[in-house]
Structure formats: structure tokens, C-alpha cells
């Protein structure tokens, strides 16, 4: 560790016996057990709300990390150079195995259980709405569609086109039609009302529910890194986990159905939530991410892996759209029981 971390750790009521660097932090051996220290750039207000949420979940039996206060009860501590740090309890274990169906389904059931209790954790104030409000997905879709068209125009004007650019042009018409149609469906759906109700009723999302933040520890599953928690439609968490897993599993529709059924066995979806999930899955988010990366980096050289990702997206497109429609119109529990 450098001088800054050592300065900060002097403010804590434990002795540091050893340390090693891990991804984005230092892992500490201390007199009170293992801890993590890392730099923090968020607001003190969000940190306090995060701690309230973590304590709320721990009281209800969930295995989550928590922020360690210093001797004066502060959740973040500054060093002399004004960099701020937080110390967290360390939960050991390995990441959720994205190839294990049983672990994937257990993680989905755990998410549904979290969502049931991540409501009305604290009275929602105007400051919460400003600081913890999530992303307006409809407005984001509109912005992404404008950006996709802008990138298309940029590539068309180029005299010489690389492999990625040629592939982008060849599939653009079909993908942008799909993106714009999803935007129109979202516009006429119950999205606005669903989001307003979620915020007013204090529904909290994890914000980054992916396998990196789901740990298997002593036979239990732990969830960590709630830094991106927000007041929003909770199904956004389910969408992200579904999309990440299904992309890795080549959109195995049978697995997708079982994941949806696992969630609904704990927390059934309302029609508006199902409609929202369908739109999120249908929207070509991966295509936008690849295009955005291309446009904001060195356009003269695109890694071969980037082209492979575009090819993979296109190969999975039909299955993804099919599953998104199934989410909207079919009952996942029925399909799973009947082997569909």
C-alpha cells in the first residue's frame, strides 16, 4: 500500500497485519478479520443510503458486504491529498459459475428474494429522487438510436471501410428497424406508470447484478457491490443478469425460460413488468455498445475480438428477439413444466 492508504487506515479501530493488491482495491488482514480498502469518488449521501440498505438486508438474513465506519463513525475517510477511501467487510468465495445451471437459477431466485425486501427501505425524499433516481430507459433508447444513425452516416461517408465498418453497414437496416420498433413499443407501453410507481414506492435495484458480484461462500450465495443501487424498476436487474448469461450461453432458450420461472417462483411478474422486460431484451443493446466503442476509440484499428462480438450478436439475434416475445406473451412456468 502507499502512504495515502496507510494514512486512512490510521483512522480505523483495528490493526493491519498484512495486505495484497486485488482488482481495484487492497485486501487487508486485520485484527478483526479481512477487510477491503479502495478509493471512493461517490457522494456521502449515497454512501449513507447504501449502508442503510445493506443493514436492512443483513437483518433479513441476506449475506451482503457492508461499509466499515472509522472511529468517528464516518463511512468514508480522506487522506491529506483529499483522496477519499472506504473500507468494507470482505466476503470470500468464488464468483457465480455462469456455466452451472443450478448456480444460475439459485442466483435468479436470490435476486427475486432481494427484490421483495428492497422496497420501502427508507422514506423517499426529494434528495433521494435527485441522487438515487435511475436511468430513464425510454429516453436512453431514443438517444442510442440517434447515435446509431449518426455512426451509420459517418461510416457511409468513408472511402475505405474496415471489416467492422462493412459488417455494420450490411446489418444496419435490420437492426435499426428492430431498435426503433422497440422504442415505439416502449413509448406506448405502461413503462412511464411502472417507473413512477417504482420510484414512489421506494423500489431499489442492485444496479449491477452480474456474476462478478454474486459470490459462492461456504455453500451460501453472497451479493456484493451495491454502489450502483438506485430507485427504479427492479426488473432492470433481472434483465441485465438474463442478458449477460444468455449471451454467454448462445441464447439457450430453455435456460432462459427456467431462469424466468425461477424468478417468478419467488416473485411473480406483473404484466407491465413482463412488458418492460420484453422490451429490454428485444432492444439491440449489445449492438449499440459495440458501435459506441468503435466511434469513441481509434477507428482505424478495430480489434479482431470486436468483430467477433458483432458476428456473435448477429448470430444470436433471432433467438434473442424470439425469447423477448415469449417473455411478453407466454407463461414461463407453464413452458418449463411442459418441456418447451
Protein backbone atom coordinates (compact mmCIF):
# COMPACT_ATOMS: atom_id res chain seq x y z
CA UNK A 1 0.00 0.00 0.00
CA UNK A 2 1.10 3.58 -0.48
CA UNK A 3 1.17 6.43 2.03
CA UNK A 4 -2.41 7.52 1.36
CA UNK A 5 -4.00 4.19 2.29
CA UNK A 6 -1.84 3.97 5.41
CA UNK A 7 -2.95 7.46 6.49
CA UNK A 8 -6.59 6.48 6.08
CA UNK A 9 -6.24 3.19 7.95
CA UNK A 10 -4.91 5.04 10.99
CA UNK A 11 -8.50 6.26 11.48
CA UNK A 12 -9.90 2.74 11.94
CA UNK A 13 -10.18 0.74 15.18
CA UNK A 14 -8.17 -2.26 14.04
CA UNK A 15 -4.57 -3.20 13.35
CA UNK A 16 -3.45 -4.14 9.83
CA UNK A 17 -1.34 -7.30 9.82
CA UNK A 18 -0.85 -7.71 6.07
CA UNK A 19 -2.15 -6.62 2.67
CA UNK A 20 -2.17 -7.54 -1.00
CA UNK A 21 -3.49 -5.86 -4.12
CA UNK A 22 -6.62 -7.25 -5.77
CA UNK A 23 -8.80 -5.84 -8.58
CA UNK A 24 -9.49 -2.20 -7.76
CA UNK A 25 -8.62 -2.47 -4.06
CA UNK A 26 -6.28 -3.75 -1.36
CA UNK A 27 -7.24 -6.84 0.64
CA UNK A 28 -6.27 -6.44 4.28
CA UNK A 29 -5.60 -8.96 7.02
CA UNK A 30 -6.62 -7.15 10.20
CA UNK A 31 -7.12 -7.84 13.89
CA UNK A 32 -10.90 -8.03 13.26
CA UNK A 33 -10.80 -10.14 10.09
CA UNK A 34 -10.39 -9.47 6.37
CA UNK A 35 -11.27 -6.03 5.01
CA UNK A 36 -11.03 -4.20 1.68
CA UNK A 37 -9.87 -0.63 1.19
CA UNK A 38 -10.40 1.25 -2.05
CA UNK A 39 -10.69 4.78 -3.34
CA UNK A 40 -14.19 6.25 -3.39
CA UNK A 41 -15.48 9.04 -5.64
CA UNK A 42 -19.23 8.98 -4.92
CA UNK A 43 -21.31 11.18 -2.64
CA UNK A 44 -21.53 10.82 1.13
CA UNK A 45 -25.32 10.86 0.81
CA UNK A 46 -25.38 7.83 -1.49
CA UNK A 47 -22.96 6.03 0.79
CA UNK A 48 -25.25 6.54 3.78
CA UNK A 49 -28.25 5.23 1.83
CA UNK A 50 -26.23 2.25 0.64
CA UNK A 51 -25.29 1.42 4.22
CA UNK A 52 -28.95 1.65 5.28
CA UNK A 53 -29.85 -0.80 2.52
CA UNK A 54 -27.06 -3.21 3.46
CA UNK A 55 -28.05 -3.21 7.13
CA UNK A 56 -31.68 -3.76 6.10
CA UNK A 57 -30.69 -6.81 4.04
CA UNK A 58 -28.41 -8.26 6.70
CA UNK A 59 -31.18 -8.01 9.29
CA UNK A 60 -33.33 -10.11 6.95
CA UNK A 61 -30.74 -12.85 6.61
CA UNK A 62 -29.07 -11.94 3.31
CA UNK A 63 -25.32 -12.31 3.02
CA UNK A 64 -24.07 -8.93 1.78
CA UNK A 65 -20.98 -6.83 2.38
CA UNK A 66 -21.13 -3.66 4.46
CA UNK A 67 -19.11 -0.48 4.84
CA UNK A 68 -16.85 -0.30 7.90
CA UNK A 69 -17.14 3.03 9.80
CA UNK A 70 -13.99 4.63 11.19
CA UNK A 71 -13.55 5.51 14.87
CA UNK A 72 -15.75 8.58 14.45
CA UNK A 73 -18.49 6.72 12.60
CA UNK A 74 -17.60 8.11 9.17
CA UNK A 75 -18.23 5.85 6.18
CA UNK A 76 -15.56 7.48 4.00
CA UNK A 77 -12.23 8.97 5.08
CA UNK A 78 -9.97 11.46 3.29
CA UNK A 79 -6.19 11.43 3.27
CA UNK A 80 -4.07 14.58 3.29
CA UNK A 81 -4.15 14.70 -0.53
CA UNK A 82 -8.00 14.79 -0.31
CA UNK A 83 -8.47 11.40 -1.97
CA UNK A 84 -11.33 9.58 -0.23
CA UNK A 85 -11.44 5.91 0.72
CA UNK A 86 -13.91 3.40 2.08
CA UNK A 87 -13.24 0.20 3.99
CA UNK A 88 -15.60 -2.74 3.53
CA UNK A 89 -16.02 -6.13 5.10
CA UNK A 90 -14.57 -8.80 2.84
CA UNK A 91 -16.70 -11.77 1.86
CA UNK A 92 -14.54 -14.55 0.49
CA UNK A 93 -15.69 -17.02 -2.12
CA UNK A 94 -15.70 -17.54 -5.85
CA UNK A 95 -17.86 -15.88 -8.47
CA UNK A 96 -21.11 -17.48 -9.58
CA UNK A 97 -20.33 -20.07 -12.27
CA UNK A 98 -22.01 -18.91 -15.50
CA UNK A 99 -21.80 -22.48 -16.85
CA UNK A 100 -23.63 -24.02 -13.90
CA UNK A 101 -27.39 -24.11 -14.42
CA UNK A 102 -28.02 -24.79 -10.74
CA UNK A 103 -25.98 -21.76 -9.64
CA UNK A 104 -27.57 -19.53 -12.27
CA UNK A 105 -31.08 -20.49 -11.12
CA UNK A 106 -30.11 -20.07 -7.47
CA UNK A 107 -28.79 -16.58 -8.27
CA UNK A 108 -32.06 -15.67 -10.00
CA UNK A 109 -34.14 -16.90 -7.06
CA UNK A 110 -31.87 -14.92 -4.73
CA UNK A 111 -32.43 -11.79 -6.81
CA UNK A 112 -36.20 -12.20 -6.56
CA UNK A 113 -35.88 -12.57 -2.79
CA UNK A 114 -33.78 -9.42 -2.61
CA UNK A 115 -36.30 -7.50 -4.67
CA UNK A 116 -39.13 -8.46 -2.32
CA UNK A 117 -37.40 -6.78 0.62
CA UNK A 118 -35.68 -3.93 -1.26
CA UNK A 119 -38.82 -1.83 -1.01
CA UNK A 120 -39.63 0.99 1.39
CA UNK A 121 -36.20 0.59 2.98
CA UNK A 122 -36.33 4.30 3.86
CA UNK A 123 -38.86 7.11 3.26
CA UNK A 124 -38.14 8.52 -0.22
CA UNK A 125 -37.24 12.22 -0.11
CA UNK A 126 -36.73 14.78 -2.88
CA UNK A 127 -32.99 14.39 -2.39
CA UNK A 128 -33.34 10.63 -2.92
CA UNK A 129 -35.15 11.27 -6.20
CA UNK A 130 -32.30 13.51 -7.35
CA UNK A 131 -29.38 11.42 -6.11
CA UNK A 132 -30.70 7.85 -6.36
CA UNK A 133 -33.01 8.08 -9.36
CA UNK A 134 -32.24 5.52 -12.05
CA UNK A 135 -31.96 5.95 -15.81
CA UNK A 136 -34.98 6.76 -17.96
CA UNK A 137 -34.61 3.79 -20.32
CA UNK A 138 -37.01 5.14 -22.94
CA UNK A 139 -35.01 8.36 -23.26
CA UNK A 140 -31.82 6.29 -23.33
CA UNK A 141 -33.21 4.17 -26.19
CA UNK A 142 -34.04 7.32 -28.15
CA UNK A 143 -30.54 8.68 -27.62
CA UNK A 144 -28.92 5.39 -28.58
CA UNK A 145 -30.97 5.20 -31.77
CA UNK A 146 -29.85 8.71 -32.73
CA UNK A 147 -26.24 7.69 -32.09
CA UNK A 148 -26.58 4.53 -34.19
CA UNK A 149 -27.87 6.60 -37.13
CA UNK A 150 -25.04 9.10 -36.66
CA UNK A 151 -22.44 6.33 -36.73
CA UNK A 152 -24.07 4.87 -39.84
CA UNK A 153 -23.80 8.23 -41.63
CA UNK A 154 -20.18 8.57 -40.56
CA UNK A 155 -19.21 5.13 -41.88
CA UNK A 156 -21.07 5.59 -45.17
CA UNK A 157 -19.01 8.68 -45.97
CA UNK A 158 -15.70 6.84 -45.56
CA UNK A 159 -13.96 5.84 -48.78
CA UNK A 160 -12.21 2.79 -47.36
CA UNK A 161 -14.01 0.63 -44.83
CA UNK A 162 -12.54 -1.96 -42.49
CA UNK A 163 -14.17 -5.30 -41.66
CA UNK A 164 -16.18 -3.92 -38.73
CA UNK A 165 -17.46 -0.95 -40.74
CA UNK A 166 -18.53 -3.15 -43.65
CA UNK A 167 -20.37 -5.50 -41.29
CA UNK A 168 -22.05 -2.56 -39.54
CA UNK A 169 -23.38 -1.18 -42.83
CA UNK A 170 -24.62 -4.56 -44.04
CA UNK A 171 -26.75 -5.25 -40.95
CA UNK A 172 -27.70 -1.69 -40.02
CA UNK A 173 -31.11 -1.54 -41.75
CA UNK A 174 -32.44 -4.62 -39.95
CA UNK A 175 -31.00 -3.70 -36.56
CA UNK A 176 -32.13 -0.06 -36.56
CA UNK A 177 -35.62 -1.14 -37.59
CA UNK A 178 -35.67 -3.50 -34.61
CA UNK A 179 -34.36 -0.74 -32.31
CA UNK A 180 -36.89 1.84 -33.50
CA UNK A 181 -39.76 -0.63 -33.24
CA UNK A 182 -38.75 -1.43 -29.65
CA UNK A 183 -38.68 2.30 -28.89
CA UNK A 184 -42.23 2.66 -30.28
CA UNK A 185 -43.48 -0.32 -28.24
CA UNK A 186 -41.89 1.13 -25.10
CA UNK A 187 -43.46 4.52 -25.82
CA UNK A 188 -46.98 3.07 -25.89
CA UNK A 189 -46.45 0.59 -23.04
CA UNK A 190 -47.05 1.11 -19.34
CA UNK A 191 -43.38 1.98 -18.81
CA UNK A 192 -43.88 5.53 -17.53
CA UNK A 193 -46.50 4.47 -14.98
CA UNK A 194 -44.44 1.46 -13.89
CA UNK A 195 -41.36 3.60 -13.35
CA UNK A 196 -43.26 6.30 -11.49
CA UNK A 197 -44.81 3.73 -9.16
CA UNK A 198 -41.45 2.04 -8.56
CA UNK A 199 -39.88 5.33 -7.52
CA UNK A 200 -42.78 6.49 -5.36
CA UNK A 201 -42.96 3.12 -3.57
CA UNK A 202 -39.22 3.11 -2.95
CA UNK A 203 -38.25 0.11 -5.09
CA UNK A 204 -34.46 -0.31 -5.06
CA UNK A 205 -32.33 -2.08 -7.67
CA UNK A 206 -28.87 -3.53 -7.15
CA UNK A 207 -27.74 -1.78 -10.33
CA UNK A 208 -25.09 -4.30 -11.41
CA UNK A 209 -26.41 -7.77 -10.67
CA UNK A 210 -23.87 -9.81 -12.67
CA UNK A 211 -21.86 -12.92 -11.85
CA UNK A 212 -18.85 -10.87 -10.67
CA UNK A 213 -20.97 -9.54 -7.79
CA UNK A 214 -22.52 -12.88 -6.82
CA UNK A 215 -20.20 -14.97 -4.67
CA UNK A 216 -20.48 -18.57 -3.52
CA UNK A 217 -19.16 -18.74 0.04
CA UNK A 218 -19.41 -21.78 2.34
CA UNK A 219 -22.42 -23.13 0.48
CA UNK A 220 -24.24 -19.78 0.55
CA UNK A 221 -24.60 -17.07 -2.07
CA UNK A 222 -23.48 -13.57 -1.18
CA UNK A 223 -24.21 -10.38 -3.11
CA UNK A 224 -21.68 -7.55 -3.03
CA UNK A 225 -21.01 -4.12 -4.53
CA UNK A 226 -24.30 -2.25 -4.17
CA UNK A 227 -22.65 1.05 -5.18
CA UNK A 228 -24.95 1.46 -8.20
CA UNK A 229 -28.17 0.84 -6.26
CA UNK A 230 -30.95 3.13 -7.49
CA UNK A 231 -34.65 3.88 -7.21
CA UNK A 232 -36.00 2.26 -10.35
CA UNK A 233 -37.86 -0.68 -11.88
CA UNK A 234 -36.34 -3.74 -10.23
CA UNK A 235 -36.79 -5.90 -13.31
CA UNK A 236 -33.83 -4.00 -14.75
CA UNK A 237 -31.64 -6.21 -12.55
CA UNK A 238 -33.28 -9.35 -13.93
CA UNK A 239 -32.84 -8.08 -17.49
CA UNK A 240 -29.12 -7.48 -17.01
CA UNK A 241 -28.46 -10.90 -15.46
CA UNK A 242 -30.59 -12.66 -18.09
CA UNK A 243 -28.87 -10.88 -20.97
CA UNK A 244 -25.35 -11.50 -19.67
CA UNK A 245 -25.98 -15.20 -19.03
CA UNK A 246 -27.85 -15.85 -22.27
CA UNK A 247 -25.18 -14.12 -24.34
CA UNK A 248 -22.62 -16.47 -22.80
CA UNK A 249 -24.91 -19.48 -23.36
CA UNK A 250 -25.68 -18.66 -27.02
CA UNK A 251 -29.24 -17.72 -26.08
CA UNK A 252 -30.21 -21.14 -24.78
CA UNK A 253 -33.97 -20.51 -24.72
CA UNK A 254 -34.65 -23.46 -22.42
CA UNK A 255 -32.28 -21.96 -19.85
CA UNK A 256 -33.88 -18.55 -20.32
CA UNK A 257 -37.32 -20.00 -19.57
CA UNK A 258 -36.01 -21.74 -16.46
CA UNK A 259 -34.39 -18.52 -15.25
CA UNK A 260 -37.65 -16.64 -15.68
CA UNK A 261 -39.57 -19.40 -13.92
CA UNK A 262 -37.06 -19.36 -11.03
CA UNK A 263 -37.64 -15.65 -10.53
CA UNK A 264 -41.41 -15.97 -10.73
CA UNK A 265 -41.45 -18.85 -8.25
CA UNK A 266 -40.41 -16.27 -5.66
CA UNK A 267 -41.83 -13.04 -7.08
CA UNK A 268 -44.36 -13.30 -9.94
CA UNK A 269 -44.15 -10.66 -12.66
CA UNK A 270 -46.94 -8.19 -13.28
CA UNK A 271 -47.97 -7.68 -16.92
CA UNK A 272 -46.29 -4.25 -17.03
CA UNK A 273 -43.06 -5.76 -15.69
CA UNK A 274 -43.20 -8.54 -18.27
CA UNK A 275 -43.78 -5.94 -20.98
CA UNK A 276 -40.80 -3.93 -19.76
CA UNK A 277 -38.52 -6.98 -19.59
CA UNK A 278 -39.55 -7.96 -23.11
CA UNK A 279 -38.62 -4.52 -24.46
CA UNK A 280 -35.27 -4.50 -22.67
CA UNK A 281 -34.38 -7.94 -24.06
CA UNK A 282 -35.53 -7.05 -27.55
CA UNK A 283 -33.56 -3.83 -27.79
CA UNK A 284 -30.16 -4.43 -29.51
CA UNK A 285 -28.13 -3.09 -26.58
CA UNK A 286 -25.03 -5.11 -27.46
CA UNK A 287 -25.02 -3.66 -30.97
CA UNK A 288 -25.08 -0.13 -29.58
CA UNK A 289 -22.25 -0.93 -27.14
CA UNK A 290 -20.06 -2.22 -29.96
CA UNK A 291 -20.87 0.74 -32.20
CA UNK A 292 -20.28 3.22 -29.39
CA UNK A 293 -16.91 1.64 -28.56
CA UNK A 294 -15.91 1.86 -32.24
CA UNK A 295 -16.97 5.51 -32.57
CA UNK A 296 -15.21 6.68 -29.40
CA UNK A 297 -11.88 4.92 -29.95
CA UNK A 298 -9.31 4.52 -32.72
CA UNK A 299 -11.49 3.89 -35.77
CA UNK A 300 -8.51 3.00 -37.94
CA UNK A 301 -7.84 -0.19 -35.95
CA UNK A 302 -10.58 -2.40 -34.56
CA UNK A 303 -9.54 -5.49 -32.55
CA UNK A 304 -10.46 -8.78 -34.17
CA UNK A 305 -12.30 -9.69 -30.98
CA UNK A 306 -14.60 -6.71 -31.55
CA UNK A 307 -15.58 -8.03 -34.98
CA UNK A 308 -16.16 -11.46 -33.43
CA UNK A 309 -18.50 -9.90 -30.87
CA UNK A 310 -20.51 -8.27 -33.65
CA UNK A 311 -20.74 -11.58 -35.51
CA UNK A 312 -21.85 -13.29 -32.30
CA UNK A 313 -24.53 -10.65 -31.72
CA UNK A 314 -25.87 -11.15 -35.24
CA UNK A 315 -25.86 -14.94 -34.90
CA UNK A 316 -27.92 -14.70 -31.67
CA UNK A 317 -30.30 -12.02 -32.91
CA UNK A 318 -33.17 -14.26 -33.98
CA UNK A 319 -33.11 -16.23 -30.71
CA UNK A 320 -32.96 -13.03 -28.66
CA UNK A 321 -35.98 -11.49 -30.38
CA UNK A 322 -37.87 -14.78 -30.15
CA UNK A 323 -37.21 -15.02 -26.40
CA UNK A 324 -38.23 -11.40 -25.86
CA UNK A 325 -41.60 -12.10 -27.49
CA UNK A 326 -42.01 -15.28 -25.45
CA UNK A 327 -41.43 -13.28 -22.26
CA UNK A 328 -44.29 -10.98 -23.23
CA UNK A 329 -46.87 -13.49 -24.41
CA UNK A 330 -46.12 -16.83 -22.76
CA UNK A 331 -46.12 -18.14 -19.20
CA UNK A 332 -42.57 -19.26 -18.40
CA UNK A 333 -43.64 -21.63 -15.63
CA UNK A 334 -46.02 -23.40 -17.99
CA UNK A 335 -43.38 -23.74 -20.70
CA UNK A 336 -40.80 -25.12 -18.27
CA UNK A 337 -43.17 -27.72 -16.81
CA UNK A 338 -44.13 -28.86 -20.29
CA UNK A 339 -40.57 -29.04 -21.58
CA UNK A 340 -40.99 -26.29 -24.13
